[in-house]
PDB file of all heavy atoms in Angstrom:
ATOM      1  N   ALA A   1       0.819  -1.207   0.000  1.00  0.00           N
ATOM      2  CA  ALA A   1       0.000   0.000   0.000  1.00  0.00           C
ATOM      3  C   ALA A   1       0.854   1.259   0.000  1.00  0.00           C
ATOM      4  O   ALA A   1       0.455   2.278  -0.548  1.00  0.00           O
ATOM      5  CB  ALA A   1      -0.947   0.001   1.192  1.00  0.00           C
ATOM      6  N   LYS A   2       2.015   1.192   0.622  1.00  0.00           N
ATOM      7  CA  LYS A   2       2.914   2.334   0.700  1.00  0.00           C
ATOM      8  C   LYS A   2       4.033   2.280  -0.334  1.00  0.00           C
ATOM      9  O   LYS A   2       4.879   3.170  -0.370  1.00  0.00           O
ATOM     10  CB  LYS A   2       3.531   2.430   2.096  1.00  0.00           C
ATOM     11  CG  LYS A   2       2.519   2.669   3.198  1.00  0.00           C
ATOM     12  CD  LYS A   2       3.199   2.755   4.554  1.00  0.00           C
ATOM     13  CE  LYS A   2       2.191   3.005   5.655  1.00  0.00           C
ATOM     14  NZ  LYS A   2       2.841   3.060   6.998  1.00  0.00           N
ATOM     15  N   ASN A   3       4.022   1.242  -1.163  1.00  0.00           N
ATOM     16  CA  ASN A   3       5.074   1.056  -2.165  1.00  0.00           C
ATOM     17  C   ASN A   3       6.462   1.162  -1.533  1.00  0.00           C
ATOM     18  O   ASN A   3       7.351   1.849  -2.038  1.00  0.00           O
ATOM     19  CB  ASN A   3       4.935   2.075  -3.297  1.00  0.00           C
ATOM     20  CG  ASN A   3       3.876   1.688  -4.311  1.00  0.00           C
ATOM     21  OD1 ASN A   3       3.250   0.637  -4.213  1.00  0.00           O
ATOM     22  ND2 ASN A   3       3.657   2.545  -5.295  1.00  0.00           N
ATOM     23  N   THR A   4       6.633   0.468  -0.431  1.00  0.00           N
ATOM     24  CA  THR A   4       7.875   0.543   0.321  1.00  0.00           C
ATOM     25  C   THR A   4       8.425  -0.847   0.599  1.00  0.00           C
ATOM     26  O   THR A   4       7.684  -1.757   0.981  1.00  0.00           O
ATOM     27  CB  THR A   4       7.679   1.294   1.647  1.00  0.00           C
ATOM     28  OG1 THR A   4       7.183   2.614   1.376  1.00  0.00           O
ATOM     29  CG2 THR A   4       8.992   1.404   2.400  1.00  0.00           C
ATOM     30  N   LEU A   5       9.715  -0.981   0.408  1.00  0.00           N
ATOM     31  CA  LEU A   5      10.434  -2.216   0.674  1.00  0.00           C
ATOM     32  C   LEU A   5      11.350  -1.995   1.874  1.00  0.00           C
ATOM     33  O   LEU A   5      11.931  -0.920   2.024  1.00  0.00           O
ATOM     34  CB  LEU A   5      11.255  -2.622  -0.548  1.00  0.00           C
ATOM     35  CG  LEU A   5      11.987  -3.955  -0.510  1.00  0.00           C
ATOM     36  CD1 LEU A   5      11.003  -5.114  -0.647  1.00  0.00           C
ATOM     37  CD2 LEU A   5      13.043  -4.009  -1.618  1.00  0.00           C
ATOM     38  N   TYR A   6      11.487  -3.015   2.717  1.00  0.00           N
ATOM     39  CA  TYR A   6      12.307  -2.903   3.915  1.00  0.00           C
ATOM     40  C   TYR A   6      13.344  -4.017   3.975  1.00  0.00           C
ATOM     41  O   TYR A   6      13.152  -5.108   3.439  1.00  0.00           O
ATOM     42  CB  TYR A   6      11.456  -2.983   5.179  1.00  0.00           C
ATOM     43  CG  TYR A   6      10.353  -1.963   5.257  1.00  0.00           C
ATOM     44  CD1 TYR A   6       9.054  -2.291   4.887  1.00  0.00           C
ATOM     45  CD2 TYR A   6      10.611  -0.669   5.697  1.00  0.00           C
ATOM     46  CE1 TYR A   6       8.032  -1.359   4.956  1.00  0.00           C
ATOM     47  CE2 TYR A   6       9.591   0.268   5.767  1.00  0.00           C
ATOM     48  CZ  TYR A   6       8.305  -0.083   5.401  1.00  0.00           C
ATOM     49  OH  TYR A   6       7.296   0.848   5.468  1.00  0.00           O
ATOM     50  N   LEU A   7      14.430  -3.721   4.654  1.00  0.00           N
ATOM     51  CA  LEU A   7      15.417  -4.735   4.976  1.00  0.00           C
ATOM     52  C   LEU A   7      15.769  -4.573   6.449  1.00  0.00           C
ATOM     53  O   LEU A   7      16.387  -3.581   6.837  1.00  0.00           O
ATOM     54  CB  LEU A   7      16.677  -4.601   4.120  1.00  0.00           C
ATOM     55  CG  LEU A   7      17.735  -5.680   4.363  1.00  0.00           C
ATOM     56  CD1 LEU A   7      17.226  -7.043   3.875  1.00  0.00           C
ATOM     57  CD2 LEU A   7      19.048  -5.331   3.670  1.00  0.00           C
ATOM     58  N   GLN A   8      15.344  -5.533   7.259  1.00  0.00           N
ATOM     59  CA  GLN A   8      15.680  -5.535   8.674  1.00  0.00           C
ATOM     60  C   GLN A   8      16.997  -6.276   8.854  1.00  0.00           C
ATOM     61  O   GLN A   8      17.087  -7.463   8.543  1.00  0.00           O
ATOM     62  CB  GLN A   8      14.574  -6.202   9.491  1.00  0.00           C
ATOM     63  CG  GLN A   8      14.845  -6.254  10.987  1.00  0.00           C
ATOM     64  CD  GLN A   8      14.889  -4.878  11.617  1.00  0.00           C
ATOM     65  OE1 GLN A   8      13.989  -4.070  11.399  1.00  0.00           O
ATOM     66  NE2 GLN A   8      15.922  -4.600  12.387  1.00  0.00           N
ATOM     67  N   MET A   9      17.987  -5.575   9.337  1.00  0.00           N
ATOM     68  CA  MET A   9      19.309  -6.139   9.543  1.00  0.00           C
ATOM     69  C   MET A   9      19.549  -6.318  11.037  1.00  0.00           C
ATOM     70  O   MET A   9      19.424  -5.364  11.807  1.00  0.00           O
ATOM     71  CB  MET A   9      20.387  -5.231   8.947  1.00  0.00           C
ATOM     72  CG  MET A   9      20.157  -4.871   7.487  1.00  0.00           C
ATOM     73  SD  MET A   9      21.262  -3.553   6.888  1.00  0.00           S
ATOM     74  CE  MET A   9      22.864  -4.323   7.107  1.00  0.00           C
ATOM     75  N   SER A  10      19.896  -7.510  11.444  1.00  0.00           N
ATOM     76  CA  SER A  10      20.178  -7.788  12.840  1.00  0.00           C
ATOM     77  C   SER A  10      21.502  -8.532  12.961  1.00  0.00           C
ATOM     78  O   SER A  10      21.985  -9.123  12.003  1.00  0.00           O
ATOM     79  CB  SER A  10      19.044  -8.605  13.476  1.00  0.00           C
ATOM     80  OG  SER A  10      18.885  -9.854  12.828  1.00  0.00           O
ATOM     81  N   SER A  11      22.072  -8.485  14.161  1.00  0.00           N
ATOM     82  CA  SER A  11      23.364  -9.129  14.412  1.00  0.00           C
ATOM     83  C   SER A  11      24.371  -8.776  13.330  1.00  0.00           C
ATOM     84  O   SER A  11      25.071  -9.640  12.795  1.00  0.00           O
ATOM     85  CB  SER A  11      23.188 -10.654  14.506  1.00  0.00           C
ATOM     86  OG  SER A  11      22.282 -11.006  15.532  1.00  0.00           O
ATOM     87  N   VAL A  12      24.450  -7.509  13.027  1.00  0.00           N
ATOM     88  CA  VAL A  12      25.306  -7.065  11.930  1.00  0.00           C
ATOM     89  C   VAL A  12      26.774  -7.302  12.249  1.00  0.00           C
ATOM     90  O   VAL A  12      27.190  -7.292  13.407  1.00  0.00           O
ATOM     91  CB  VAL A  12      25.063  -5.587  11.581  1.00  0.00           C
ATOM     92  CG1 VAL A  12      23.637  -5.404  11.073  1.00  0.00           C
ATOM     93  CG2 VAL A  12      25.321  -4.693  12.784  1.00  0.00           C
ATOM     94  N   LYS A  13      27.542  -7.500  11.202  1.00  0.00           N
ATOM     95  CA  LYS A  13      28.965  -7.765  11.297  1.00  0.00           C
ATOM     96  C   LYS A  13      29.731  -6.734  10.484  1.00  0.00           C
ATOM     97  O   LYS A  13      29.174  -6.124   9.575  1.00  0.00           O
ATOM     98  CB  LYS A  13      29.274  -9.166  10.774  1.00  0.00           C
ATOM     99  CG  LYS A  13      28.502 -10.285  11.450  1.00  0.00           C
ATOM    100  CD  LYS A  13      28.791 -11.621  10.779  1.00  0.00           C
ATOM    101  CE  LYS A  13      28.012 -12.737  11.445  1.00  0.00           C
ATOM    102  NZ  LYS A  13      28.274 -14.043  10.789  1.00  0.00           N
ATOM    103  N   PRO A  14      31.010  -6.542  10.792  1.00  0.00           N
ATOM    104  CA  PRO A  14      31.807  -5.589  10.013  1.00  0.00           C
ATOM    105  C   PRO A  14      31.781  -5.874   8.518  1.00  0.00           C
ATOM    106  O   PRO A  14      31.812  -4.940   7.712  1.00  0.00           O
ATOM    107  CB  PRO A  14      33.213  -5.761  10.592  1.00  0.00           C
ATOM    108  CG  PRO A  14      32.978  -6.162  12.004  1.00  0.00           C
ATOM    109  CD  PRO A  14      31.769  -7.069  11.949  1.00  0.00           C
ATOM    110  N   GLU A  15      31.698  -7.139   8.135  1.00  0.00           N
ATOM    111  CA  GLU A  15      31.665  -7.490   6.725  1.00  0.00           C
ATOM    112  C   GLU A  15      30.358  -7.108   6.038  1.00  0.00           C
ATOM    113  O   GLU A  15      30.236  -7.227   4.819  1.00  0.00           O
ATOM    114  CB  GLU A  15      31.948  -8.984   6.510  1.00  0.00           C
ATOM    115  CG  GLU A  15      31.094  -9.898   7.362  1.00  0.00           C
ATOM    116  CD  GLU A  15      31.801 -10.369   8.620  1.00  0.00           C
ATOM    117  OE1 GLU A  15      32.454  -9.535   9.284  1.00  0.00           O
ATOM    118  OE2 GLU A  15      31.715 -11.567   8.943  1.00  0.00           O
ATOM    119  N   ASP A  16      29.380  -6.653   6.814  1.00  0.00           N
ATOM    120  CA  ASP A  16      28.131  -6.156   6.239  1.00  0.00           C
ATOM    121  C   ASP A  16      28.277  -4.725   5.750  1.00  0.00           C
ATOM    122  O   ASP A  16      27.358  -4.190   5.115  1.00  0.00           O
ATOM    123  CB  ASP A  16      26.992  -6.232   7.254  1.00  0.00           C
ATOM    124  CG  ASP A  16      26.613  -7.662   7.613  1.00  0.00           C
ATOM    125  OD1 ASP A  16      26.657  -8.535   6.727  1.00  0.00           O
ATOM    126  OD2 ASP A  16      26.261  -7.901   8.784  1.00  0.00           O
ATOM    127  N   THR A  17      29.389  -4.103   6.059  1.00  0.00           N
ATOM    128  CA  THR A  17      29.632  -2.734   5.626  1.00  0.00           C
ATOM    129  C   THR A  17      29.619  -2.648   4.108  1.00  0.00           C
ATOM    130  O   THR A  17      30.374  -3.343   3.433  1.00  0.00           O
ATOM    131  CB  THR A  17      30.974  -2.227   6.163  1.00  0.00           C
ATOM    132  OG1 THR A  17      30.931  -2.183   7.591  1.00  0.00           O
ATOM    133  CG2 THR A  17      31.277  -0.832   5.637  1.00  0.00           C
ATOM    134  N   ALA A  18      28.751  -1.802   3.574  1.00  0.00           N
ATOM    135  CA  ALA A  18      28.605  -1.676   2.129  1.00  0.00           C
ATOM    136  C   ALA A  18      27.588  -0.597   1.813  1.00  0.00           C
ATOM    137  O   ALA A  18      26.879  -0.105   2.695  1.00  0.00           O
ATOM    138  CB  ALA A  18      28.162  -3.000   1.505  1.00  0.00           C
ATOM    139  N   MET A  19      27.523  -0.236   0.549  1.00  0.00           N
ATOM    140  CA  MET A  19      26.435   0.579   0.056  1.00  0.00           C
ATOM    141  C   MET A  19      25.313  -0.375  -0.311  1.00  0.00           C
ATOM    142  O   MET A  19      25.526  -1.316  -1.080  1.00  0.00           O
ATOM    143  CB  MET A  19      26.868   1.404  -1.152  1.00  0.00           C
ATOM    144  CG  MET A  19      25.801   2.338  -1.684  1.00  0.00           C
ATOM    145  SD  MET A  19      25.522   3.772  -0.611  1.00  0.00           S
ATOM    146  CE  MET A  19      26.967   4.762  -1.021  1.00  0.00           C
ATOM    147  N   TYR A  20      24.140  -0.144   0.235  1.00  0.00           N
ATOM    148  CA  TYR A  20      22.997  -1.004  -0.021  1.00  0.00           C
ATOM    149  C   TYR A  20      22.056  -0.357  -1.026  1.00  0.00           C
ATOM    150  O   TYR A  20      21.631   0.784  -0.843  1.00  0.00           O
ATOM    151  CB  TYR A  20      22.263  -1.313   1.284  1.00  0.00           C
ATOM    152  CG  TYR A  20      22.976  -2.340   2.123  1.00  0.00           C
ATOM    153  CD1 TYR A  20      24.154  -2.021   2.784  1.00  0.00           C
ATOM    154  CD2 TYR A  20      22.490  -3.641   2.234  1.00  0.00           C
ATOM    155  CE1 TYR A  20      24.831  -2.971   3.532  1.00  0.00           C
ATOM    156  CE2 TYR A  20      23.154  -4.594   2.987  1.00  0.00           C
ATOM    157  CZ  TYR A  20      24.334  -4.249   3.635  1.00  0.00           C
ATOM    158  OH  TYR A  20      25.004  -5.193   4.381  1.00  0.00           O
ATOM    159  N   TYR A  21      21.728  -1.105  -2.066  1.00  0.00           N
ATOM    160  CA  TYR A  21      20.889  -0.618  -3.143  1.00  0.00           C
ATOM    161  C   TYR A  21      19.574  -1.371  -3.219  1.00  0.00           C
ATOM    162  O   TYR A  21      19.538  -2.595  -3.056  1.00  0.00           O
ATOM    163  CB  TYR A  21      21.601  -0.769  -4.494  1.00  0.00           C
ATOM    164  CG  TYR A  21      22.877   0.021  -4.629  1.00  0.00           C
ATOM    165  CD1 TYR A  21      24.099  -0.546  -4.302  1.00  0.00           C
ATOM    166  CD2 TYR A  21      22.854   1.328  -5.103  1.00  0.00           C
ATOM    167  CE1 TYR A  21      25.279   0.170  -4.439  1.00  0.00           C
ATOM    168  CE2 TYR A  21      24.027   2.050  -5.243  1.00  0.00           C
ATOM    169  CZ  TYR A  21      25.239   1.464  -4.906  1.00  0.00           C
ATOM    170  OH  TYR A  21      26.406   2.178  -5.049  1.00  0.00           O
ATOM    171  N   CYS A  22      18.537  -0.639  -3.486  1.00  0.00           N
ATOM    172  CA  CYS A  22      17.237  -1.220  -3.749  1.00  0.00           C
ATOM    173  C   CYS A  22      17.085  -1.405  -5.255  1.00  0.00           C
ATOM    174  O   CYS A  22      17.598  -0.605  -6.038  1.00  0.00           O
ATOM    175  CB  CYS A  22      16.143  -0.295  -3.213  1.00  0.00           C
ATOM    176  SG  CYS A  22      14.450  -0.869  -3.467  1.00  0.00           S
ATOM    177  N   ALA A  23      16.416  -2.467  -5.655  1.00  0.00           N
ATOM    178  CA  ALA A  23      16.226  -2.745  -7.074  1.00  0.00           C
ATOM    179  C   ALA A  23      14.805  -3.198  -7.357  1.00  0.00           C
ATOM    180  O   ALA A  23      14.164  -3.838  -6.525  1.00  0.00           O
ATOM    181  CB  ALA A  23      17.208  -3.818  -7.546  1.00  0.00           C
ATOM    182  N   ALA A  24      14.334  -2.862  -8.529  1.00  0.00           N
ATOM    183  CA  ALA A  24      13.035  -3.318  -9.018  1.00  0.00           C
ATOM    184  C   ALA A  24      13.251  -3.982 -10.363  1.00  0.00           C
ATOM    185  O   ALA A  24      13.771  -3.368 -11.285  1.00  0.00           O
ATOM    186  CB  ALA A  24      12.061  -2.155  -9.136  1.00  0.00           C
ATOM    187  N   ILE A  25      12.853  -5.231 -10.464  1.00  0.00           N
ATOM    188  CA  ILE A  25      13.074  -6.026 -11.664  1.00  0.00           C
ATOM    189  C   ILE A  25      11.725  -6.450 -12.229  1.00  0.00           C
ATOM    190  O   ILE A  25      11.014  -7.233 -11.602  1.00  0.00           O
ATOM    191  CB  ILE A  25      13.933  -7.261 -11.355  1.00  0.00           C
ATOM    192  CG1 ILE A  25      15.218  -6.847 -10.637  1.00  0.00           C
ATOM    193  CG2 ILE A  25      14.243  -8.044 -12.615  1.00  0.00           C
ATOM    194  CD1 ILE A  25      16.002  -8.002 -10.047  1.00  0.00           C
ATOM    195  N   PRO A  26      11.366  -5.946 -13.396  1.00  0.00           N
ATOM    196  CA  PRO A  26      10.046  -6.241 -13.950  1.00  0.00           C
ATOM    197  C   PRO A  26      10.005  -7.461 -14.857  1.00  0.00           C
ATOM    198  O   PRO A  26      10.933  -7.719 -15.623  1.00  0.00           O
ATOM    199  CB  PRO A  26       9.726  -4.979 -14.751  1.00  0.00           C
ATOM    200  CG  PRO A  26      11.067  -4.527 -15.245  1.00  0.00           C
ATOM    201  CD  PRO A  26      12.051  -4.891 -14.149  1.00  0.00           C
ATOM    202  N   GLY A  27       8.922  -8.206 -14.747  1.00  0.00           N
ATOM    203  CA  GLY A  27       8.559  -9.192 -15.748  1.00  0.00           C
ATOM    204  C   GLY A  27       9.413 -10.425 -15.922  1.00  0.00           C
ATOM    205  O   GLY A  27       9.274 -11.122 -16.923  1.00  0.00           O
ATOM    206  N   ARG A  28      10.278 -10.740 -14.957  1.00  0.00           N
ATOM    207  CA  ARG A  28      11.143 -11.910 -15.106  1.00  0.00           C
ATOM    208  C   ARG A  28      11.012 -12.910 -13.969  1.00  0.00           C
ATOM    209  O   ARG A  28      11.875 -13.784 -13.803  1.00  0.00           O
ATOM    210  CB  ARG A  28      12.600 -11.473 -15.236  1.00  0.00           C
ATOM    211  CG  ARG A  28      12.923 -10.768 -16.542  1.00  0.00           C
ATOM    212  CD  ARG A  28      14.424 -10.605 -16.701  1.00  0.00           C
ATOM    213  NE  ARG A  28      14.940  -9.483 -15.934  1.00  0.00           N
ATOM    214  CZ  ARG A  28      16.228  -9.320 -15.603  1.00  0.00           C
ATOM    215  NH1 ARG A  28      17.119 -10.237 -15.959  1.00  0.00           N
ATOM    216  NH2 ARG A  28      16.610  -8.255 -14.926  1.00  0.00           N
ATOM    217  N   GLY A  29       9.953 -12.796 -13.218  1.00  0.00           N
ATOM    218  CA  GLY A  29       9.761 -13.680 -12.094  1.00  0.00           C
ATOM    219  C   GLY A  29      10.628 -13.282 -10.920  1.00  0.00           C
ATOM    220  O   GLY A  29      11.323 -12.267 -10.944  1.00  0.00           O
ATOM    221  N   CYS A  30      10.593 -14.104  -9.890  1.00  0.00           N
ATOM    222  CA  CYS A  30      11.350 -13.799  -8.679  1.00  0.00           C
ATOM    223  C   CYS A  30      11.754 -15.093  -8.003  1.00  0.00           C
ATOM    224  O   CYS A  30      10.919 -15.979  -7.777  1.00  0.00           O
ATOM    225  CB  CYS A  30      10.511 -12.942  -7.733  1.00  0.00           C
ATOM    226  SG  CYS A  30      11.460 -12.009  -6.516  1.00  0.00           S
ATOM    227  N   GLY A  31      13.007 -15.207  -7.675  1.00  0.00           N
ATOM    228  CA  GLY A  31      13.527 -16.389  -7.009  1.00  0.00           C
ATOM    229  C   GLY A  31      14.983 -16.184  -6.647  1.00  0.00           C
ATOM    230  O   GLY A  31      15.495 -15.063  -6.692  1.00  0.00           O
ATOM    231  N   THR A  32      15.647 -17.259  -6.296  1.00  0.00           N
ATOM    232  CA  THR A  32      17.056 -17.148  -5.921  1.00  0.00           C
ATOM    233  C   THR A  32      17.902 -16.614  -7.071  1.00  0.00           C
ATOM    234  O   THR A  32      18.916 -15.957  -6.842  1.00  0.00           O
ATOM    235  CB  THR A  32      17.612 -18.503  -5.454  1.00  0.00           C
ATOM    236  OG1 THR A  32      17.407 -19.491  -6.477  1.00  0.00           O
ATOM    237  CG2 THR A  32      16.902 -18.960  -4.189  1.00  0.00           C
ATOM    238  N   LEU A  33      17.463 -16.882  -8.297  1.00  0.00           N
ATOM    239  CA  LEU A  33      18.189 -16.388  -9.459  1.00  0.00           C
ATOM    240  C   LEU A  33      18.189 -14.869  -9.514  1.00  0.00           C
ATOM    241  O   LEU A  33      19.083 -14.260 -10.103  1.00  0.00           O
ATOM    242  CB  LEU A  33      17.604 -16.980 -10.738  1.00  0.00           C
ATOM    243  CG  LEU A  33      18.437 -16.865 -12.019  1.00  0.00           C
ATOM    244  CD1 LEU A  33      19.773 -17.571 -11.852  1.00  0.00           C
ATOM    245  CD2 LEU A  33      17.660 -17.445 -13.189  1.00  0.00           C
ATOM    246  N   SER A  34      17.186 -14.253  -8.893  1.00  0.00           N
ATOM    247  CA  SER A  34      17.076 -12.797  -8.883  1.00  0.00           C
ATOM    248  C   SER A  34      18.226 -12.140  -8.134  1.00  0.00           C
ATOM    249  O   SER A  34      18.441 -10.938  -8.269  1.00  0.00           O
ATOM    250  CB  SER A  34      15.746 -12.374  -8.263  1.00  0.00           C
ATOM    251  OG  SER A  34      14.649 -12.969  -8.927  1.00  0.00           O
ATOM    252  N   LEU A  35      18.951 -12.909  -7.335  1.00  0.00           N
ATOM    253  CA  LEU A  35      20.088 -12.395  -6.574  1.00  0.00           C
ATOM    254  C   LEU A  35      21.399 -12.516  -7.342  1.00  0.00           C
ATOM    255  O   LEU A  35      22.437 -12.052  -6.872  1.00  0.00           O
ATOM    256  CB  LEU A  35      20.207 -13.125  -5.237  1.00  0.00           C
ATOM    257  CG  LEU A  35      18.984 -13.045  -4.319  1.00  0.00           C
ATOM    258  CD1 LEU A  35      19.189 -13.913  -3.089  1.00  0.00           C
ATOM    259  CD2 LEU A  35      18.708 -11.606  -3.931  1.00  0.00           C
ATOM    260  N   ASP A  36      21.335 -13.145  -8.483  1.00  0.00           N
ATOM    261  CA  ASP A  36      22.511 -13.344  -9.326  1.00  0.00           C
ATOM    262  C   ASP A  36      22.685 -12.120 -10.221  1.00  0.00           C
ATOM    263  O   ASP A  36      21.859 -11.858 -11.088  1.00  0.00           O
ATOM    264  CB  ASP A  36      22.343 -14.604 -10.163  1.00  0.00           C
ATOM    265  CG  ASP A  36      23.578 -14.967 -10.969  1.00  0.00           C
ATOM    266  OD1 ASP A  36      24.408 -14.087 -11.256  1.00  0.00           O
ATOM    267  OD2 ASP A  36      23.702 -16.155 -11.326  1.00  0.00           O
ATOM    268  N   MET A  37      23.757 -11.381 -10.020  1.00  0.00           N
ATOM    269  CA  MET A  37      23.971 -10.165 -10.791  1.00  0.00           C
ATOM    270  C   MET A  37      24.101 -10.438 -12.284  1.00  0.00           C
ATOM    271  O   MET A  37      23.734  -9.595 -13.101  1.00  0.00           O
ATOM    272  CB  MET A  37      25.195  -9.408 -10.285  1.00  0.00           C
ATOM    273  CG  MET A  37      24.940  -8.567  -9.046  1.00  0.00           C
ATOM    274  SD  MET A  37      23.680  -7.279  -9.319  1.00  0.00           S
ATOM    275  CE  MET A  37      24.409  -6.352 -10.671  1.00  0.00           C
ATOM    276  N   ASN A  38      24.627 -11.592 -12.649  1.00  0.00           N
ATOM    277  CA  ASN A  38      24.723 -11.936 -14.067  1.00  0.00           C
ATOM    278  C   ASN A  38      23.338 -12.046 -14.696  1.00  0.00           C
ATOM    279  O   ASN A  38      23.130 -11.631 -15.836  1.00  0.00           O
ATOM    280  CB  ASN A  38      25.493 -13.240 -14.247  1.00  0.00           C
ATOM    281  CG  ASN A  38      26.964 -13.091 -13.941  1.00  0.00           C
ATOM    282  OD1 ASN A  38      27.563 -12.043 -14.183  1.00  0.00           O
ATOM    283  ND2 ASN A  38      27.562 -14.146 -13.412  1.00  0.00           N
ATOM    284  N   TRP A  39      22.397 -12.598 -13.952  1.00  0.00           N
ATOM    285  CA  TRP A  39      21.023 -12.684 -14.425  1.00  0.00           C
ATOM    286  C   TRP A  39      20.366 -11.307 -14.442  1.00  0.00           C
ATOM    287  O   TRP A  39      19.679 -10.945 -15.392  1.00  0.00           O
ATOM    288  CB  TRP A  39      20.227 -13.648 -13.544  1.00  0.00           C
ATOM    289  CG  TRP A  39      18.776 -13.759 -13.921  1.00  0.00           C
ATOM    290  CD1 TRP A  39      18.234 -14.562 -14.869  1.00  0.00           C
ATOM    291  CD2 TRP A  39      17.692 -13.036 -13.339  1.00  0.00           C
ATOM    292  NE1 TRP A  39      16.877 -14.384 -14.918  1.00  0.00           N
ATOM    293  CE2 TRP A  39      16.510 -13.447 -13.994  1.00  0.00           C
ATOM    294  CE3 TRP A  39      17.599 -12.077 -12.322  1.00  0.00           C
ATOM    295  CZ2 TRP A  39      15.258 -12.941 -13.664  1.00  0.00           C
ATOM    296  CZ3 TRP A  39      16.354 -11.576 -11.997  1.00  0.00           C
ATOM    297  CH2 TRP A  39      15.205 -12.011 -12.668  1.00  0.00           C
ATOM    298  N   VAL A  40      20.587 -10.546 -13.393  1.00  0.00           N
ATOM    299  CA  VAL A  40      20.002  -9.218 -13.292  1.00  0.00           C
ATOM    300  C   VAL A  40      20.415  -8.347 -14.474  1.00  0.00           C
ATOM    301  O   VAL A  40      19.586  -7.647 -15.062  1.00  0.00           O
ATOM    302  CB  VAL A  40      20.403  -8.539 -11.968  1.00  0.00           C
ATOM    303  CG1 VAL A  40      19.958  -7.081 -11.954  1.00  0.00           C
ATOM    304  CG2 VAL A  40      19.804  -9.286 -10.786  1.00  0.00           C
ATOM    305  N   ARG A  41      21.666  -8.411 -14.832  1.00  0.00           N
ATOM    306  CA  ARG A  41      22.205  -7.573 -15.895  1.00  0.00           C
ATOM    307  C   ARG A  41      21.698  -7.935 -17.285  1.00  0.00           C
ATOM    308  O   ARG A  41      21.847  -7.145 -18.215  1.00  0.00           O
ATOM    309  CB  ARG A  41      23.731  -7.645 -15.886  1.00  0.00           C
ATOM    310  CG  ARG A  41      24.381  -6.923 -14.718  1.00  0.00           C
ATOM    311  CD  ARG A  41      25.781  -7.424 -14.459  1.00  0.00           C
ATOM    312  NE  ARG A  41      26.574  -7.486 -15.674  1.00  0.00           N
ATOM    313  CZ  ARG A  41      27.682  -8.210 -15.809  1.00  0.00           C
ATOM    314  NH1 ARG A  41      28.121  -8.945 -14.795  1.00  0.00           N
ATOM    315  NH2 ARG A  41      28.346  -8.201 -16.953  1.00  0.00           N
TER     316      ARG A  41
END
């Protein structure tokens, strides 16, 4: 309803340090493959 996506991060570690980006991928389904940058590109 608010067109908002969230990421709750807990027990964070130093290796979590990064720039975090939100993405919207249309028309290609959604699954573990969606996390593959080669597929995304």
